[in-house]
Protein backbone atom coordinates (compact mmCIF):
# COMPACT_ATOMS: atom_id res chain seq x y z
CA MET A 1 0.10 0.09 0.01
CA GLU A 2 1.29 3.50 -1.12
CA ASN A 3 2.33 5.80 1.75
CA PRO A 4 -0.66 8.35 2.41
CA SER A 5 1.69 11.22 2.63
CA PHE A 6 2.50 10.54 -1.13
CA ASP A 7 -0.98 12.07 -2.08
CA LEU A 8 -0.37 15.14 0.19
CA VAL A 9 3.27 15.64 -1.55
CA ARG A 10 1.54 15.46 -4.71
CA GLN A 11 -1.13 18.01 -3.92
CA ILE A 12 1.61 20.35 -2.62
CA LEU A 13 3.73 20.20 -5.94
CA ARG A 14 0.45 20.77 -7.85
CA SER A 15 -0.65 23.81 -5.83
CA PRO A 16 -0.70 27.06 -7.41
CA LEU A 17 0.87 28.45 -4.06
CA PHE A 18 3.81 26.37 -4.39
CA LEU A 19 4.00 26.76 -8.29
CA GLN A 20 4.31 30.72 -7.85
CA GLN A 21 6.99 30.44 -5.48
CA SER A 22 10.97 31.30 -6.47
CA LEU A 23 13.20 28.20 -6.62
CA ASP A 24 14.63 28.84 -3.26
CA GLN A 25 11.21 29.17 -1.78
CA GLN A 26 10.23 25.93 -3.28
CA GLN A 27 13.50 24.12 -2.17
CA ALA A 28 12.52 25.62 1.53
CA THR A 29 8.98 23.91 1.12
CA LEU A 30 10.49 20.56 0.18
CA ASP A 31 13.00 20.76 2.93
CA LYS A 32 10.17 21.02 5.45
CA ILE A 33 8.54 18.04 3.95
CA LEU A 34 11.58 16.03 4.49
CA GLU A 35 11.80 17.25 8.09
CA THR A 36 8.64 15.61 8.88
CA GLY A 37 10.01 12.27 8.49
CA GLU A 38 7.05 10.96 6.54
CA ILE A 39 9.00 10.56 3.49
CA THR A 40 12.48 9.82 2.34
CA ARG A 41 14.35 12.00 -0.02
CA GLU A 42 14.52 9.30 -2.61
CA GLU A 43 10.86 8.75 -2.46
CA LEU A 44 10.51 12.85 -2.81
CA PHE A 45 12.64 12.83 -5.93
CA ARG A 46 10.76 9.97 -7.43
CA ILE A 47 7.33 11.83 -7.01
CA ILE A 48 8.81 15.20 -8.52
CA SER A 49 9.97 13.21 -11.61
CA GLU A 50 6.48 11.53 -11.87
CA GLU A 51 4.90 14.90 -11.58
CA ALA A 52 7.17 16.57 -14.15
CA GLY A 53 6.49 13.59 -16.56
CA ASN A 54 2.67 13.99 -16.08
CA GLN A 55 3.08 17.81 -16.67
CA GLN A 56 4.92 17.34 -19.79
CA ALA A 57 2.15 14.71 -21.16
CA GLU A 58 -0.42 17.28 -20.28
CA ASN A 59 1.39 20.01 -22.38
CA LYS A 60 2.18 17.80 -25.14
CA GLU A 61 0.86 19.26 -28.48
CA ILE A 62 -0.87 17.20 -31.13
CA ILE A 63 1.14 18.53 -34.24
CA PRO A 64 -0.89 18.27 -37.48
CA GLU A 65 0.62 15.98 -40.15
CA GLU A 66 0.88 18.52 -42.77
CA VAL A 67 3.17 20.57 -40.28
CA ARG A 68 5.18 17.52 -39.86
CA GLU A 69 5.76 17.20 -43.62
CA ILE A 70 6.83 20.80 -44.08
CA ALA A 71 9.13 20.14 -40.94
CA HIS A 72 10.89 17.22 -42.63
CA ASN A 73 11.50 19.33 -45.67
CA LEU A 74 12.81 22.20 -43.68
CA GLU A 75 15.36 20.18 -41.87
CA THR A 76 17.15 20.08 -45.16
CA LEU A 77 17.78 23.82 -45.09
CA ASP A 78 20.48 26.12 -44.17
CA TYR A 79 19.55 28.61 -41.47
CA ASN A 80 19.32 31.65 -43.64
CA THR A 81 17.15 29.72 -46.18
CA PHE A 82 15.12 28.66 -43.29
CA LEU A 83 14.84 32.26 -41.91
CA THR A 84 13.76 33.81 -45.17
CA PHE A 85 11.11 31.02 -45.57
CA ILE A 86 9.48 31.85 -42.16
CA VAL A 87 9.81 35.55 -42.50
CA ARG A 88 7.84 35.62 -45.87
CA GLY A 89 4.90 34.05 -44.04
CA GLN A 90 4.92 30.75 -45.54
CA LEU A 91 4.45 29.31 -42.08
CA LYS A 92 3.21 31.21 -39.12
CA GLY A 93 0.98 31.35 -35.94
CA LYS A 94 0.34 28.07 -34.02
CA ASN A 95 1.92 25.95 -36.83
CA LEU A 96 5.07 27.99 -36.44
CA ILE A 97 5.10 27.23 -32.70
CA SER A 98 4.20 23.51 -33.21
CA LEU A 99 7.44 23.37 -35.63
CA CYS A 100 9.47 24.14 -32.50
CA ASN A 101 8.41 20.75 -31.04
CA VAL A 102 8.92 18.48 -34.26
CA SER A 103 12.92 18.23 -33.98
CA LYS A 104 15.73 19.51 -32.22
CA LYS A 105 17.23 20.95 -35.26
CA LEU A 106 14.11 23.05 -36.02
CA ARG A 107 13.69 24.19 -32.47
CA ASP A 108 17.21 25.43 -32.46
CA TYR A 109 16.74 27.29 -35.68
CA CYS A 110 13.60 28.99 -34.04
CA ASN A 111 15.39 29.87 -30.85
CA ARG A 112 18.66 30.91 -32.29
CA GLY A 113 20.35 34.22 -31.34
CA PHE A 114 21.86 36.85 -33.79
CA GLN A 115 24.91 39.09 -33.22
CA PRO A 116 25.83 41.81 -35.64
CA LEU A 117 29.40 41.39 -37.47
CA THR A 118 31.67 44.18 -38.57
CA SER A 119 32.96 44.01 -42.36
CA GLN A 120 36.03 41.93 -40.81
CA GLY A 121 33.46 39.56 -39.34
CA ILE A 122 33.92 40.72 -35.80
CA ALA A 123 30.92 40.48 -33.40
CA TYR A 124 29.80 43.64 -31.83
CA GLY A 125 27.05 44.87 -29.94
CA ALA A 126 24.40 42.83 -27.97
CA VAL A 127 23.24 39.34 -29.00
CA HIS A 128 19.46 39.42 -30.22
CA ASP A 129 17.95 36.32 -28.51
CA GLN A 130 15.28 34.36 -30.35
CA TYR A 131 16.15 36.51 -33.60
CA LEU A 132 13.57 34.82 -35.87
CA PHE A 133 10.37 35.77 -33.53
CA ARG A 134 12.08 39.28 -33.30
CA LEU A 135 12.18 39.71 -36.91
CA LEU A 136 8.30 38.58 -36.94
CA LEU A 137 7.60 40.90 -34.31
CA ASP A 138 9.38 43.91 -35.92
CA LYS A 139 7.47 43.10 -39.10
CA ARG A 140 4.24 43.71 -37.33
CA GLY A 141 5.61 46.84 -35.31
CA ILE A 142 5.09 44.94 -31.99
CA PRO A 143 7.43 45.87 -29.25
CA ILE A 144 8.86 43.29 -26.89
CA PRO A 145 8.19 44.37 -23.18
CA GLN A 146 11.07 43.95 -20.70
CA GLY A 147 11.31 40.61 -19.10
CA LYS A 148 9.38 38.65 -21.84
CA SER A 149 10.84 36.69 -24.46
CA PRO A 150 10.32 37.39 -28.27
CA LYS A 151 8.56 33.92 -28.57
CA GLN A 152 6.52 34.60 -25.57
CA VAL A 153 5.32 37.97 -27.16
CA TYR A 154 4.71 36.11 -30.73
CA ILE A 155 2.39 33.64 -28.90
CA GLU A 156 0.46 36.37 -26.95
CA LYS A 157 0.15 38.75 -29.89
CA LEU A 158 0.13 36.71 -33.16
CA VAL A 159 -1.14 33.20 -32.00
CA GLY A 160 -3.38 33.59 -29.09
CA GLY A 161 -5.59 30.81 -27.72
CA ARG A 162 -8.81 29.89 -26.44
CA VAL A 163 -11.12 32.29 -24.62
CA PHE A 164 -12.58 31.37 -21.12
CA SER A 165 -15.52 33.49 -19.44
CA PHE A 166 -17.06 33.69 -16.31
CA GLY A 167 -19.68 35.77 -14.15
CA PRO A 168 -23.26 37.06 -15.04
CA ASN A 169 -24.72 36.21 -18.49
CA LEU A 170 -28.02 37.82 -18.75
CA HIS A 171 -27.56 39.29 -21.94
CA GLY A 172 -25.09 36.58 -23.28
CA GLN A 173 -21.97 38.63 -22.72
CA LEU A 174 -20.15 35.15 -21.81
CA GLY A 175 -20.66 33.97 -25.32
CA LEU A 176 -21.53 30.44 -24.38
CA GLU A 177 -23.48 27.91 -26.43
CA PRO A 178 -26.30 25.97 -24.70
CA GLU A 179 -25.61 22.83 -23.05
CA ASN A 180 -28.12 21.02 -24.95
CA SER A 181 -27.36 22.53 -28.47
CA THR A 182 -29.46 20.01 -30.32
CA VAL A 183 -32.72 21.98 -29.28
CA PRO A 184 -32.97 24.59 -32.08
CA GLY A 185 -33.64 28.24 -30.63
CA LEU A 186 -32.27 27.33 -27.34
CA ILE A 187 -29.98 29.99 -25.78
CA ASP A 188 -27.95 29.96 -22.59
CA LEU A 189 -28.03 32.82 -20.24
CA LYS A 190 -26.92 30.93 -17.12
CA ASP A 191 -24.20 32.85 -15.03
CA ARG A 192 -20.80 30.83 -14.53
CA SER A 193 -18.94 30.61 -11.37
CA SER A 194 -15.98 28.80 -13.01
CA PRO A 195 -14.02 29.66 -16.17
CA THR A 196 -15.92 28.13 -19.09
CA VAL A 197 -14.46 27.87 -22.44
CA ILE A 198 -16.08 29.65 -25.43
CA PRO A 199 -16.75 27.07 -28.08
CA ASN A 200 -15.74 27.74 -31.86
CA LEU A 201 -13.39 30.63 -30.84
CA GLU A 202 -9.65 30.13 -31.19
CA ASN A 203 -6.34 31.88 -32.09
CA ILE A 204 -7.56 34.97 -30.05
CA ILE A 205 -5.09 37.41 -29.52
CA GLN A 206 -6.91 40.18 -27.41
CA VAL A 207 -10.13 40.30 -25.28
CA SER A 208 -11.97 43.37 -23.88
CA ALA A 209 -15.01 42.98 -21.39
CA GLY A 210 -17.35 46.00 -21.42
CA GLY A 211 -20.39 46.76 -19.49
CA ALA A 212 -22.50 43.91 -20.67
CA HIS A 213 -20.85 43.07 -23.74
CA SER A 214 -17.54 41.54 -25.21
CA LEU A 215 -15.15 41.85 -28.01
CA CYS A 216 -12.53 39.42 -29.07
CA LEU A 217 -9.66 39.98 -31.64
CA ASP A 218 -8.30 37.17 -33.58
CA MET A 219 -4.78 36.59 -35.12
CA ASN A 220 -6.15 37.35 -38.69
CA GLY A 221 -7.45 40.91 -37.38
CA GLN A 222 -11.17 39.79 -37.33
CA VAL A 223 -13.37 40.89 -34.58
CA TRP A 224 -16.04 38.77 -32.68
CA SER A 225 -18.71 40.51 -30.71
CA PHE A 226 -21.43 39.13 -28.24
CA GLY A 227 -23.59 40.24 -25.30
CA LEU A 228 -25.90 43.15 -24.88
CA ASN A 229 -26.65 45.12 -28.04
CA ASN A 230 -29.21 47.55 -27.18
CA LYS A 231 -27.31 50.54 -28.60
CA GLY A 232 -25.56 48.69 -31.49
CA GLN A 233 -22.32 48.36 -29.49
CA LEU A 234 -21.58 44.86 -31.21
CA GLY A 235 -21.36 46.43 -34.80
CA LEU A 236 -23.69 44.03 -36.42
CA GLY A 237 -26.23 46.44 -37.84
CA HIS A 238 -29.00 45.71 -35.52
CA GLN A 239 -29.88 45.69 -31.69
CA GLN A 240 -30.52 42.13 -31.06
CA ASN A 241 -28.46 40.71 -28.21
CA MET A 242 -26.17 37.97 -29.23
CA ASP A 243 -25.31 34.89 -26.74
CA ILE A 244 -22.49 33.51 -28.99
CA PRO A 245 -19.74 35.27 -30.74
CA ILE A 246 -20.41 36.72 -34.31
CA MET A 247 -17.88 38.22 -36.46
CA ILE A 248 -18.23 41.95 -37.47
CA VAL A 249 -17.97 41.92 -41.28
CA ASP A 250 -17.55 45.73 -41.81
CA LEU A 251 -14.01 46.12 -40.70
CA PRO A 252 -10.64 46.19 -42.01
CA GLU A 253 -7.62 44.56 -40.30
CA ILE A 254 -7.81 45.42 -36.77
CA ILE A 255 -5.05 45.21 -34.15
CA GLN A 256 -6.77 46.28 -30.96
CA VAL A 257 -10.24 46.45 -29.45
CA SER A 258 -11.78 48.21 -26.56
CA ALA A 259 -15.35 47.75 -25.09
CA GLY A 260 -16.79 50.61 -22.99
CA ASN A 261 -20.09 50.54 -21.11
CA GLY A 262 -22.41 50.83 -24.17
CA HIS A 263 -19.94 51.79 -27.08
CA SER A 264 -16.99 49.96 -28.72
CA LEU A 265 -13.70 50.95 -30.39
CA CYS A 266 -11.47 49.21 -32.96
CA LEU A 267 -8.22 50.14 -34.16
CA ASP A 268 -7.08 49.17 -37.75
CA SER A 269 -3.61 48.39 -39.00
CA GLN A 270 -3.36 51.89 -40.43
CA GLY A 271 -3.68 53.75 -37.09
CA ARG A 272 -7.44 54.59 -37.73
CA ILE A 273 -10.12 54.17 -35.54
CA TRP A 274 -13.65 52.52 -36.00
CA ALA A 275 -16.61 53.36 -33.60
CA PHE A 276 -19.89 52.07 -32.92
CA GLY A 277 -22.74 51.90 -30.28
CA SER A 278 -24.01 54.63 -27.63
CA ASN A 279 -23.09 58.08 -28.75
CA GLU A 280 -25.44 60.28 -26.73
CA PHE A 281 -22.31 62.33 -25.41
CA GLY A 282 -20.22 61.98 -28.49
CA GLN A 283 -18.15 59.12 -27.24
CA LEU A 284 -17.73 57.78 -30.79
CA GLY A 285 -15.73 60.76 -31.96
CA VAL A 286 -17.48 61.22 -35.32
CA GLY A 287 -18.90 64.65 -34.63
CA GLY A 288 -22.45 63.68 -34.05
CA LEU A 289 -24.86 62.36 -31.38
CA ALA A 290 -26.38 59.68 -33.40
CA GLU A 291 -26.20 55.96 -32.07
CA LEU A 292 -24.27 53.74 -34.78
CA GLN A 293 -24.95 50.20 -35.29
CA ILE A 294 -22.28 49.48 -37.54
CA PRO A 295 -18.55 50.39 -37.57
CA THR A 296 -17.96 53.89 -38.50
CA LEU A 297 -14.68 55.48 -39.25
CA ILE A 298 -13.84 58.62 -37.35
CA PRO A 299 -12.77 60.85 -40.15
CA ASN A 300 -9.38 62.65 -40.41
CA PHE A 301 -7.92 60.93 -37.68
CA ARG A 302 -4.99 58.36 -37.69
CA ASN A 303 -1.46 57.60 -36.34
CA ILE A 304 -2.97 56.09 -33.26
CA ILE A 305 -1.54 53.19 -31.44
CA GLN A 306 -3.91 52.57 -28.51
CA ILE A 307 -7.59 53.04 -27.56
CA SER A 308 -9.52 53.27 -24.61
CA ALA A 309 -13.29 53.23 -24.22
CA GLY A 310 -14.79 53.99 -20.88
CA ASN A 311 -18.34 54.63 -19.55
CA ARG A 312 -19.27 57.48 -21.88
CA HIS A 313 -15.90 58.73 -22.81
CA SER A 314 -13.26 57.76 -24.99
CA LEU A 315 -9.18 58.32 -25.15
CA CYS A 316 -6.87 57.65 -27.89
CA LEU A 317 -2.94 57.52 -27.82
CA ASP A 318 -0.88 58.69 -31.11
CA ARG A 319 2.41 57.59 -32.28
CA ASP A 320 3.95 60.87 -30.79
CA GLY A 321 2.65 59.92 -27.31
CA ARG A 322 -0.20 62.48 -27.28
CA VAL A 323 -3.48 61.96 -25.83
CA TRP A 324 -6.84 62.64 -27.43
CA GLY A 325 -10.29 62.74 -25.92
CA PHE A 326 -13.85 62.89 -26.87
CA GLY A 327 -17.27 62.22 -25.25
CA LEU A 328 -18.65 63.00 -21.77
CA ASN A 329 -16.51 65.46 -19.80
CA ASP A 330 -18.64 66.54 -16.97
CA ARG A 331 -16.25 65.40 -14.52
CA GLY A 332 -13.28 66.47 -16.32
CA GLN A 333 -12.50 62.78 -17.42
CA LEU A 334 -11.14 64.23 -20.97
CA GLY A 335 -8.38 66.31 -18.65
CA LEU A 336 -8.62 69.46 -21.17
CA GLY A 337 -9.29 71.93 -18.34
CA ASP A 338 -13.09 72.49 -18.80
CA ASN A 339 -16.08 70.18 -18.37
CA SER A 340 -17.76 70.40 -21.90
CA VAL A 341 -18.76 67.51 -24.26
CA LYS A 342 -16.37 66.81 -27.23
CA LEU A 343 -17.67 65.28 -30.20
CA VAL A 344 -14.64 64.85 -32.17
CA PRO A 345 -11.17 63.86 -31.00
CA THR A 346 -9.60 66.65 -29.30
CA LEU A 347 -5.80 67.05 -28.31
CA ASN A 348 -4.81 67.25 -24.58
CA PRO A 349 -2.53 70.24 -24.17
CA THR A 350 -0.61 69.07 -21.25
CA LEU A 351 0.08 65.48 -21.78
CA GLU A 352 3.10 64.10 -23.53
CA ASN A 353 5.51 61.41 -23.56
CA THR A 354 2.46 59.01 -22.92
CA VAL A 355 2.78 55.45 -23.38
CA GLU A 356 -0.44 53.87 -21.97
CA ILE A 357 -4.11 55.11 -21.48
CA SER A 358 -7.07 53.67 -19.47
CA CYS A 359 -10.64 55.03 -19.19
CA GLY A 360 -12.66 54.23 -15.95
CA THR A 361 -16.25 55.30 -14.91
CA GLU A 362 -15.89 59.11 -15.60
CA TYR A 363 -12.05 59.34 -14.85
CA SER A 364 -8.98 58.53 -16.86
CA LEU A 365 -5.44 57.36 -16.22
CA CYS A 366 -2.32 57.92 -18.24
CA LEU A 367 1.33 56.44 -17.92
CA ASP A 368 4.25 58.29 -19.18
CA ARG A 369 7.48 56.97 -20.42
CA TYR A 370 9.30 57.68 -17.24
CA GLY A 371 6.91 55.40 -15.16
CA LYS A 372 4.75 58.42 -13.66
CA VAL A 373 0.86 58.06 -13.51
CA TRP A 374 -1.44 61.01 -14.21
CA GLY A 375 -5.09 61.02 -13.35
CA PHE A 376 -8.05 63.19 -14.02
CA GLY A 377 -11.68 63.19 -13.83
CA ARG A 378 -14.02 61.89 -11.10
CA ASN A 379 -12.29 61.28 -7.76
CA ASP A 380 -14.99 60.77 -4.95
CA PHE A 381 -13.43 57.68 -3.81
CA GLY A 382 -9.74 58.46 -4.45
CA GLN A 383 -9.34 56.69 -7.58
CA LEU A 384 -6.97 59.17 -8.90
CA GLY A 385 -4.50 58.41 -6.09
CA LEU A 386 -4.03 62.03 -5.22
CA ASP A 387 -4.63 61.62 -1.41
CA ASP A 388 -8.00 63.72 -1.64
CA LEU A 389 -11.56 63.47 -2.96
CA ASN A 390 -11.40 66.36 -5.44
CA ASP A 391 -12.02 66.04 -9.21
CA ARG A 392 -9.44 67.26 -11.72
CA ASN A 393 -10.13 68.61 -15.13
CA LEU A 394 -6.51 68.71 -15.99
CA PRO A 395 -4.11 66.00 -15.54
CA VAL A 396 -2.21 65.62 -12.23
CA MET A 397 0.85 63.27 -11.49
CA SER A 398 0.71 61.20 -8.58
CA ASP A 399 3.74 61.22 -6.24
CA ARG A 400 3.23 58.12 -4.41
CA PHE A 401 4.95 55.68 -6.96
CA GLU A 402 7.26 55.61 -9.95
CA LYS A 403 8.44 52.96 -12.45
CA ILE A 404 5.22 51.82 -13.31
CA VAL A 405 4.79 49.66 -16.46
CA GLN A 406 0.97 49.05 -16.69
CA ILE A 407 -2.20 50.95 -15.36
CA SER A 408 -5.88 49.79 -15.12
CA ALA A 409 -8.72 52.11 -14.33
CA GLY A 410 -11.95 50.27 -13.05
CA ALA A 411 -15.25 51.63 -12.24
CA TYR A 412 -14.24 53.59 -9.14
CA HIS A 413 -10.83 52.10 -8.42
CA SER A 414 -7.51 51.67 -9.91
CA ILE A 415 -4.39 49.20 -10.08
CA ALA A 416 -0.77 50.09 -11.07
CA LEU A 417 1.82 47.54 -11.86
CA ASP A 418 5.50 48.42 -11.39
CA TYR A 419 8.55 47.22 -12.91
CA LYS A 420 9.44 44.78 -9.95
CA GLY A 421 5.91 42.73 -10.62
CA ARG A 422 4.27 44.67 -7.56
CA ILE A 423 0.83 46.07 -7.52
CA TRP A 424 -0.27 49.33 -6.21
CA VAL A 425 -4.06 50.14 -5.35
CA PHE A 426 -6.31 52.98 -4.78
CA GLY A 427 -9.91 54.13 -4.68
CA ASN A 428 -13.34 52.48 -3.90
CA ASN A 429 -12.85 49.27 -1.82
CA SER A 430 -16.42 48.47 -0.89
CA TYR A 431 -16.23 44.70 -1.88
CA GLY A 432 -12.23 44.24 -1.22
CA GLN A 433 -11.55 44.99 -5.04
CA LEU A 434 -8.10 46.50 -3.88
CA GLY A 435 -7.27 43.17 -2.28
CA LEU A 436 -5.86 44.51 1.10
CA GLY A 437 -7.69 42.19 3.33
CA ASN A 438 -10.36 44.86 4.42
CA ILE A 439 -12.96 47.04 2.64
CA SER A 440 -11.57 50.49 3.43
CA ASP A 441 -11.10 53.02 0.57
CA ARG A 442 -7.70 54.50 -0.17
CA GLN A 443 -7.41 58.14 -1.40
CA ARG A 444 -3.58 57.37 -2.03
CA ALA A 445 -1.93 54.53 -3.65
CA VAL A 446 -1.03 51.72 -1.37
CA LEU A 447 1.37 48.66 -2.18
CA ASN A 448 -0.56 45.27 -2.05
CA PRO A 449 1.65 43.23 0.31
CA THR A 450 0.56 39.96 -0.76
CA LEU A 451 1.00 40.07 -4.58
CA ILE A 452 4.41 39.59 -6.28
CA ASN A 453 5.61 38.41 -9.65
CA ILE A 454 2.48 40.02 -11.45
CA SER A 455 2.69 40.55 -15.27
CA GLN A 456 -0.74 42.13 -16.11
CA VAL A 457 -3.68 43.63 -14.12
CA SER A 458 -7.31 44.53 -15.03
CA ALA A 459 -9.69 46.53 -12.67
CA GLY A 460 -13.42 45.77 -13.36
CA GLY A 461 -16.69 47.26 -11.71
CA TYR A 462 -16.11 45.95 -8.31
CA HIS A 463 -13.50 43.24 -8.98
CA SER A 464 -10.12 42.77 -9.91
CA MET A 465 -7.74 40.16 -11.72
CA CYS A 466 -3.91 39.84 -11.74
CA LEU A 467 -1.96 37.69 -14.10
CA SER A 468 1.12 36.14 -12.54
CA ASN A 469 4.18 35.81 -14.52
CA ARG A 470 3.60 32.06 -14.03
CA ASP A 471 0.35 32.16 -16.03
CA PHE A 472 -2.16 31.75 -13.30
CA VAL A 473 -4.80 34.22 -12.41
CA VAL A 474 -5.39 36.05 -9.03
CA VAL A 475 -8.62 37.64 -8.17
CA PHE A 476 -10.38 39.55 -5.56
CA GLY A 477 -13.37 41.70 -4.86
CA ASN A 478 -17.05 41.19 -5.41
CA THR A 479 -18.28 37.48 -5.99
CA GLU A 480 -21.86 37.96 -7.17
CA HIS A 481 -22.87 36.05 -9.94
CA GLY A 482 -19.39 34.10 -10.09
CA VAL A 483 -17.52 37.28 -11.51
CA LEU A 484 -14.24 35.91 -9.83
CA GLY A 485 -14.43 32.47 -11.21
CA ILE A 486 -13.44 30.76 -8.04
CA GLY A 487 -16.56 28.39 -8.06
CA ASP A 488 -20.00 28.33 -6.58
CA GLY A 489 -19.13 28.21 -2.86
CA ALA A 490 -17.55 31.68 -3.22
CA THR A 491 -20.75 33.21 -4.14
CA ARG A 492 -22.18 32.69 -0.71
CA THR A 493 -19.76 35.41 0.52
CA PRO A 494 -20.42 39.05 -1.06
CA ALA A 495 -16.72 39.83 -1.21
CA ILE A 496 -13.40 38.38 -1.01
CA SER A 497 -10.88 40.86 0.06
CA ILE A 498 -7.74 38.68 0.08
CA PRO A 499 -6.03 37.82 -3.29
CA THR A 500 -7.18 34.22 -4.29
CA ILE A 501 -5.97 32.02 -7.08
CA ILE A 502 -8.60 30.73 -9.67
CA PRO A 503 -8.07 26.90 -9.22
CA ASN A 504 -7.05 24.45 -11.82
CA PHE A 505 -6.73 27.41 -14.29
CA LYS A 506 -3.14 27.89 -15.83
CA GLY A 507 -1.37 29.09 -18.96
CA ILE A 508 -3.25 32.22 -19.22
CA LEU A 509 -2.08 34.99 -21.59
CA GLN A 510 -4.44 37.75 -20.86
CA VAL A 511 -7.18 38.82 -18.49
CA SER A 512 -10.11 41.45 -18.80
CA CYS A 513 -12.36 42.64 -16.36
CA GLY A 514 -15.74 43.81 -17.42
CA ILE A 515 -18.26 45.82 -15.26
CA ASN A 516 -19.44 42.61 -13.98
CA HIS A 517 -18.04 39.69 -16.29
CA SER A 518 -14.46 38.50 -16.82
CA LEU A 519 -12.73 37.22 -19.91
CA CYS A 520 -9.34 35.42 -20.03
CA ILE A 521 -7.31 34.04 -23.07
CA GLN A 522 -5.35 30.60 -22.29
CA ARG A 523 -2.60 29.67 -24.66
CA PRO A 524 -3.01 26.92 -26.99
CA LYS A 525 -2.10 23.32 -25.66
């Protein structure tokens, strides 16, 4: 009979809490297991080896036969010819990643570095690791963030994966087919308290959860929408809700999507913006107040690299680091020094060197190239992080932190991620959405002491999601309708204020919090 302690050890090795530890911390945990005397060192090593083998088997990919055939032919090529073949787009996306698993030679080809040579053949400068993936990303103008490998960025931005959704589904915003799909006309509007895969939606590289609708962008630049459509925010030419993803046909190649409360923005590969949905305050930026049910190009406006749709206002970032705003401005959320509605994109006169924008509910955050955060708009919960409750109609820099690499504005709370993988939180905390173990609001940014090694953050209505650099998801805040994705048991408690890992949910590429629902992309297996 096997030692009962073995099962406990296996549970520890599979635990997300163990997997997120550093190697030194993991070693300390293993030493404590050995100190109990319940298991020998040899037995522990055997279990570790078994678990490693099981993990490898779980992640083993089924490689299409046609990819194997191409790989067999590519093995005869020299490196430069192979490089040319790939860069010309003759093998890309998931198939290219599969190629790395076919043979050692091709894996080495894909991961080979490159160092510039002088005319005399002497190496100089830094070695460009994973040169092939760098070339492919440069070709699409996609930067490689600090701390990420080119291959990892390629998978995130150009390969994508499957979409999982959870939370309320009253309007079909989770995009799920009926469990009994054999019954014609049956729709599925049941809430989900655990991550549930959206069928027939693959190769998704970005998701955006809005008020009660969702947008998904695939690797081919096509946009899929589902959920509430009372204002035409799905861009389908009508106002009928959709409970399964429908592709928007009236769009060119899109590189980014943003779902607001009742409107949507799409950024195309030429730096132009397509807008649709609610427009009662000019949040579509097309020069009028008419609702638009099909994607409409914002005229005479291009060179945009990022978009953000808020409650009833929008921000855009151009190639020169300048910020443009349009829509409702009653709380100063456009940061223009006044409180008047703007029907067309209007340049912010004070912001420069901006690298990221994020719209919340009647407020906005901007991040500059120096890692400083600027806030403007509504501030009644301290969501601007300025140590007071006064609204601002001009951008004001927070002096609480620096070296921030990502920002996220929620309904009334904010999250900032610093270069060390730590998160700073401020604003409304009525459901514990700041993850501090209590429900007290914060007017000034506070470092969350329990979260480390975070690579991405997303602030929703009254909940938050953080993506670990080990590809699992940490959640906290409101639990109603299963919006945290941690199971039915959690919904009996109105709030969870301590960061909690979504169980059995790994390999995540991106997270997005809506007002009341959540979306995640999981890398392909």
